[in-house]
Amino acid sequence: MTNQNAPEAGSESSAVVRRVLHLTLKKTWFDMIASGEKREEYREMKPYWNTLVSG
């Protein structure tokens, strides 16, 4: 099992940290994102999302 937060092997900067943000999506929107039809997902900036994104 690999650590998803660890820098990728061979990356130029060992300071790069990848974090995973889990979002709940309805099937309709997920299918559009998966097919490439919808390229971005927006959420209203509220304290809850600030905490998740900022850490």
PDB file of N, CA and C in Angstrom:
ATOM      1  N   MET A   1       0.855  -1.186   0.000  1.00  0.00           N
ATOM      2  CA  MET A   1       0.000   0.000   0.000  1.00  0.00           C
ATOM      3  C   MET A   1       0.888   1.233   0.000  1.00  0.00           C
ATOM      4  N   THR A   2       0.554   2.190  -0.832  1.00  0.00           N
ATOM      5  CA  THR A   2       1.356   3.410  -0.900  1.00  0.00           C
ATOM      6  C   THR A   2       0.657   4.535  -0.161  1.00  0.00           C
ATOM      7  N   ASN A   3       1.431   5.487   0.265  1.00  0.00           N
ATOM      8  CA  ASN A   3       0.893   6.661   0.943  1.00  0.00           C
ATOM      9  C   ASN A   3       0.496   7.688  -0.105  1.00  0.00           C
ATOM     10  N   GLN A   4      -0.789   8.007  -0.202  1.00  0.00           N
ATOM     11  CA  GLN A   4      -1.265   8.944  -1.221  1.00  0.00           C
ATOM     12  C   GLN A   4      -0.816  10.365  -0.934  1.00  0.00           C
ATOM     13  N   ASN A   5      -0.393  10.647   0.284  1.00  0.00           N
ATOM     14  CA  ASN A   5       0.046  11.992   0.633  1.00  0.00           C
ATOM     15  C   ASN A   5       1.543  12.178   0.425  1.00  0.00           C
ATOM     16  N   ALA A   6       2.242  11.109   0.087  1.00  0.00           N
ATOM     17  CA  ALA A   6       3.687  11.182  -0.104  1.00  0.00           C
ATOM     18  C   ALA A   6       4.007  11.746  -1.485  1.00  0.00           C
ATOM     19  N   PRO A   7       5.142  12.431  -1.616  1.00  0.00           N
ATOM     20  CA  PRO A   7       5.551  12.920  -2.936  1.00  0.00           C
ATOM     21  C   PRO A   7       5.747  11.751  -3.889  1.00  0.00           C
ATOM     22  N   GLU A   8       5.511  11.986  -5.164  1.00  0.00           N
ATOM     23  CA  GLU A   8       5.696  10.944  -6.168  1.00  0.00           C
ATOM     24  C   GLU A   8       7.184  10.639  -6.344  1.00  0.00           C
ATOM     25  N   ALA A   9       7.484   9.392  -6.599  1.00  0.00           N
ATOM     26  CA  ALA A   9       8.868   8.988  -6.825  1.00  0.00           C
ATOM     27  C   ALA A   9       9.400   9.700  -8.055  1.00  0.00           C
ATOM     28  N   GLY A  10      10.595  10.221  -7.959  1.00  0.00           N
ATOM     29  CA  GLY A  10      11.220  10.891  -9.081  1.00  0.00           C
ATOM     30  C   GLY A  10      10.756  12.319  -9.284  1.00  0.00           C
ATOM     31  N   SER A  11       9.934  12.833  -8.377  1.00  0.00           N
ATOM     32  CA  SER A  11       9.488  14.217  -8.547  1.00  0.00           C
ATOM     33  C   SER A  11      10.656  15.148  -8.270  1.00  0.00           C
ATOM     34  N   GLU A  12      10.634  16.307  -8.910  1.00  0.00           N
ATOM     35  CA  GLU A  12      11.736  17.256  -8.778  1.00  0.00           C
ATOM     36  C   GLU A  12      11.820  17.850  -7.387  1.00  0.00           C
ATOM     37  N   SER A  13      10.681  18.038  -6.737  1.00  0.00           N
ATOM     38  CA  SER A  13      10.675  18.658  -5.422  1.00  0.00           C
ATOM     39  C   SER A  13      10.102  17.697  -4.399  1.00  0.00           C
ATOM     40  N   SER A  14      10.860  17.432  -3.353  1.00  0.00           N
ATOM     41  CA  SER A  14      10.358  16.542  -2.315  1.00  0.00           C
ATOM     42  C   SER A  14       9.388  17.274  -1.403  1.00  0.00           C
ATOM     43  N   ALA A  15       9.203  18.592  -1.593  1.00  0.00           N
ATOM     44  CA  ALA A  15       8.287  19.378  -0.772  1.00  0.00           C
ATOM     45  C   ALA A  15       6.842  19.285  -1.277  1.00  0.00           C
ATOM     46  N   VAL A  16       6.621  18.649  -2.429  1.00  0.00           N
ATOM     47  CA  VAL A  16       5.284  18.532  -2.983  1.00  0.00           C
ATOM     48  C   VAL A  16       4.513  17.478  -2.190  1.00  0.00           C
ATOM     49  N   VAL A  17       3.350  17.871  -1.685  1.00  0.00           N
ATOM     50  CA  VAL A  17       2.509  16.937  -0.944  1.00  0.00           C
ATOM     51  C   VAL A  17       1.158  16.871  -1.629  1.00  0.00           C
ATOM     52  N   ARG A  18       0.729  15.671  -1.964  1.00  0.00           N
ATOM     53  CA  ARG A  18      -0.572  15.485  -2.597  1.00  0.00           C
ATOM     54  C   ARG A  18      -1.572  15.089  -1.528  1.00  0.00           C
ATOM     55  N   ARG A  19      -2.692  15.818  -1.509  1.00  0.00           N
ATOM     56  CA  ARG A  19      -3.745  15.510  -0.545  1.00  0.00           C
ATOM     57  C   ARG A  19      -5.009  15.157  -1.313  1.00  0.00           C
ATOM     58  N   VAL A  20      -5.855  14.338  -0.732  1.00  0.00           N
ATOM     59  CA  VAL A  20      -7.081  13.895  -1.373  1.00  0.00           C
ATOM     60  C   VAL A  20      -8.254  14.643  -0.766  1.00  0.00           C
ATOM     61  N   LEU A  21      -9.106  15.203  -1.609  1.00  0.00           N
ATOM     62  CA  LEU A  21     -10.329  15.864  -1.176  1.00  0.00           C
ATOM     63  C   LEU A  21     -11.492  15.028  -1.689  1.00  0.00           C
ATOM     64  N   HIS A  22     -12.285  14.493  -0.778  1.00  0.00           N
ATOM     65  CA  HIS A  22     -13.440  13.673  -1.151  1.00  0.00           C
ATOM     66  C   HIS A  22     -14.669  14.560  -1.257  1.00  0.00           C
ATOM     67  N   LEU A  23     -15.357  14.472  -2.397  1.00  0.00           N
ATOM     68  CA  LEU A  23     -16.578  15.238  -2.622  1.00  0.00           C
ATOM     69  C   LEU A  23     -17.728  14.287  -2.924  1.00  0.00           C
ATOM     70  N   THR A  24     -18.890  14.612  -2.421  1.00  0.00           N
ATOM     71  CA  THR A  24     -20.088  13.838  -2.728  1.00  0.00           C
ATOM     72  C   THR A  24     -20.729  14.441  -3.969  1.00  0.00           C
ATOM     73  N   LEU A  25     -20.922  13.599  -4.982  1.00  0.00           N
ATOM     74  CA  LEU A  25     -21.520  14.042  -6.241  1.00  0.00           C
ATOM     75  C   LEU A  25     -22.689  13.141  -6.599  1.00  0.00           C
ATOM     76  N   LYS A  26     -23.693  13.725  -7.218  1.00  0.00           N
ATOM     77  CA  LYS A  26     -24.776  12.910  -7.757  1.00  0.00           C
ATOM     78  C   LYS A  26     -24.258  12.224  -9.012  1.00  0.00           C
ATOM     79  N   LYS A  27     -24.824  11.070  -9.325  1.00  0.00           N
ATOM     80  CA  LYS A  27     -24.366  10.273 -10.457  1.00  0.00           C
ATOM     81  C   LYS A  27     -24.344  11.077 -11.754  1.00  0.00           C
ATOM     82  N   THR A  28     -25.349  11.894 -11.963  1.00  0.00           N
ATOM     83  CA  THR A  28     -25.423  12.710 -13.184  1.00  0.00           C
ATOM     84  C   THR A  28     -24.162  13.544 -13.357  1.00  0.00           C
ATOM     85  N   TRP A  29     -23.757  14.264 -12.302  1.00  0.00           N
ATOM     86  CA  TRP A  29     -22.589  15.144 -12.381  1.00  0.00           C
ATOM     87  C   TRP A  29     -21.309  14.323 -12.478  1.00  0.00           C
ATOM     88  N   PHE A  30     -21.224  13.197 -11.743  1.00  0.00           N
ATOM     89  CA  PHE A  30     -20.034  12.361 -11.825  1.00  0.00           C
ATOM     90  C   PHE A  30     -19.839  11.838 -13.245  1.00  0.00           C
ATOM     91  N   ASP A  31     -20.915  11.360 -13.861  1.00  0.00           N
ATOM     92  CA  ASP A  31     -20.817  10.834 -15.225  1.00  0.00           C
ATOM     93  C   ASP A  31     -20.337  11.909 -16.193  1.00  0.00           C
ATOM     94  N   MET A  32     -20.820  13.143 -16.016  1.00  0.00           N
ATOM     95  CA  MET A  32     -20.389  14.242 -16.886  1.00  0.00           C
ATOM     96  C   MET A  32     -18.900  14.549 -16.686  1.00  0.00           C
ATOM     97  N   ILE A  33     -18.435  14.504 -15.443  1.00  0.00           N
ATOM     98  CA  ILE A  33     -17.012  14.740 -15.162  1.00  0.00           C
ATOM     99  C   ILE A  33     -16.175  13.604 -15.744  1.00  0.00           C
ATOM    100  N   ALA A  34     -16.610  12.361 -15.538  1.00  0.00           N
ATOM    101  CA  ALA A  34     -15.870  11.198 -16.025  1.00  0.00           C
ATOM    102  C   ALA A  34     -15.757  11.196 -17.549  1.00  0.00           C
ATOM    103  N   SER A  35     -16.791  11.673 -18.244  1.00  0.00           N
ATOM    104  CA  SER A  35     -16.767  11.678 -19.712  1.00  0.00           C
ATOM    105  C   SER A  35     -15.994  12.868 -20.273  1.00  0.00           C
ATOM    106  N   GLY A  36     -15.669  13.843 -19.401  1.00  0.00           N
ATOM    107  CA  GLY A  36     -14.944  15.024 -19.857  1.00  0.00           C
ATOM    108  C   GLY A  36     -15.855  16.171 -20.259  1.00  0.00           C
ATOM    109  N   GLU A  37     -17.171  15.937 -20.220  1.00  0.00           N
ATOM    110  CA  GLU A  37     -18.130  16.980 -20.582  1.00  0.00           C
ATOM    111  C   GLU A  37     -18.120  18.117 -19.558  1.00  0.00           C
ATOM    112  N   LYS A  38     -17.961  17.781 -18.291  1.00  0.00           N
ATOM    113  CA  LYS A  38     -17.897  18.777 -17.211  1.00  0.00           C
ATOM    114  C   LYS A  38     -16.489  18.706 -16.637  1.00  0.00           C
ATOM    115  N   ARG A  39     -15.740  19.788 -16.760  1.00  0.00           N
ATOM    116  CA  ARG A  39     -14.324  19.760 -16.378  1.00  0.00           C
ATOM    117  C   ARG A  39     -14.043  20.343 -14.998  1.00  0.00           C
ATOM    118  N   GLU A  40     -14.995  21.038 -14.403  1.00  0.00           N
ATOM    119  CA  GLU A  40     -14.766  21.663 -13.100  1.00  0.00           C
ATOM    120  C   GLU A  40     -15.965  21.427 -12.197  1.00  0.00           C
ATOM    121  N   GLU A  41     -15.708  21.414 -10.908  1.00  0.00           N
ATOM    122  CA  GLU A  41     -16.774  21.285  -9.914  1.00  0.00           C
ATOM    123  C   GLU A  41     -16.616  22.433  -8.934  1.00  0.00           C
ATOM    124  N   TYR A  42     -17.648  23.208  -8.772  1.00  0.00           N
ATOM    125  CA  TYR A  42     -17.609  24.367  -7.888  1.00  0.00           C
ATOM    126  C   TYR A  42     -18.397  24.101  -6.620  1.00  0.00           C
ATOM    127  N   ARG A  43     -17.888  24.605  -5.512  1.00  0.00           N
ATOM    128  CA  ARG A  43     -18.601  24.579  -4.239  1.00  0.00           C
ATOM    129  C   ARG A  43     -18.561  25.980  -3.658  1.00  0.00           C
ATOM    130  N   GLU A  44     -19.656  26.395  -3.024  1.00  0.00           N
ATOM    131  CA  GLU A  44     -19.689  27.698  -2.378  1.00  0.00           C
ATOM    132  C   GLU A  44     -18.685  27.702  -1.230  1.00  0.00           C
ATOM    133  N   MET A  45     -17.835  28.735  -1.174  1.00  0.00           N
ATOM    134  CA  MET A  45     -16.818  28.811  -0.119  1.00  0.00           C
ATOM    135  C   MET A  45     -17.486  29.131   1.208  1.00  0.00           C
ATOM    136  N   LYS A  46     -17.456  28.174   2.094  1.00  0.00           N
ATOM    137  CA  LYS A  46     -17.994  28.320   3.440  1.00  0.00           C
ATOM    138  C   LYS A  46     -16.908  27.846   4.396  1.00  0.00           C
ATOM    139  N   PRO A  47     -17.017  28.158   5.668  1.00  0.00           N
ATOM    140  CA  PRO A  47     -15.989  27.736   6.627  1.00  0.00           C
ATOM    141  C   PRO A  47     -15.687  26.234   6.569  1.00  0.00           C
ATOM    142  N   TYR A  48     -16.698  25.420   6.332  1.00  0.00           N
ATOM    143  CA  TYR A  48     -16.490  23.969   6.236  1.00  0.00           C
ATOM    144  C   TYR A  48     -15.485  23.624   5.137  1.00  0.00           C
ATOM    145  N   TRP A  49     -15.684  24.170   3.955  1.00  0.00           N
ATOM    146  CA  TRP A  49     -14.786  23.871   2.823  1.00  0.00           C
ATOM    147  C   TRP A  49     -13.412  24.506   3.042  1.00  0.00           C
ATOM    148  N   ASN A  50     -13.396  25.689   3.640  1.00  0.00           N
ATOM    149  CA  ASN A  50     -12.108  26.332   3.966  1.00  0.00           C
ATOM    150  C   ASN A  50     -11.262  25.419   4.830  1.00  0.00           C
ATOM    151  N   THR A  51     -11.882  24.804   5.829  1.00  0.00           N
ATOM    152  CA  THR A  51     -11.169  23.907   6.729  1.00  0.00           C
ATOM    153  C   THR A  51     -10.627  22.703   5.960  1.00  0.00           C
ATOM    154  N   LEU A  52     -11.433  22.132   5.079  1.00  0.00           N
ATOM    155  CA  LEU A  52     -10.986  20.968   4.322  1.00  0.00           C
ATOM    156  C   LEU A  52      -9.844  21.293   3.356  1.00  0.00           C
ATOM    157  N   VAL A  53      -9.967  22.412   2.674  1.00  0.00           N
ATOM    158  CA  VAL A  53      -8.976  22.771   1.666  1.00  0.00           C
ATOM    159  C   VAL A  53      -7.692  23.287   2.304  1.00  0.00           C
ATOM    160  N   SER A  54      -7.815  24.090   3.335  1.00  0.00           N
ATOM    161  CA  SER A  54      -6.645  24.695   3.964  1.00  0.00           C
ATOM    162  C   SER A  54      -5.914  23.743   4.899  1.00  0.00           C
ATOM    163  N   GLY A  55      -6.627  22.812   5.447  1.00  0.00           N
ATOM    164  CA  GLY A  55      -6.007  21.828   6.351  1.00  0.00           C
ATOM    165  C   GLY A  55      -6.063  22.295   7.707  1.00  0.00           C
TER     166      GLY A  55
END
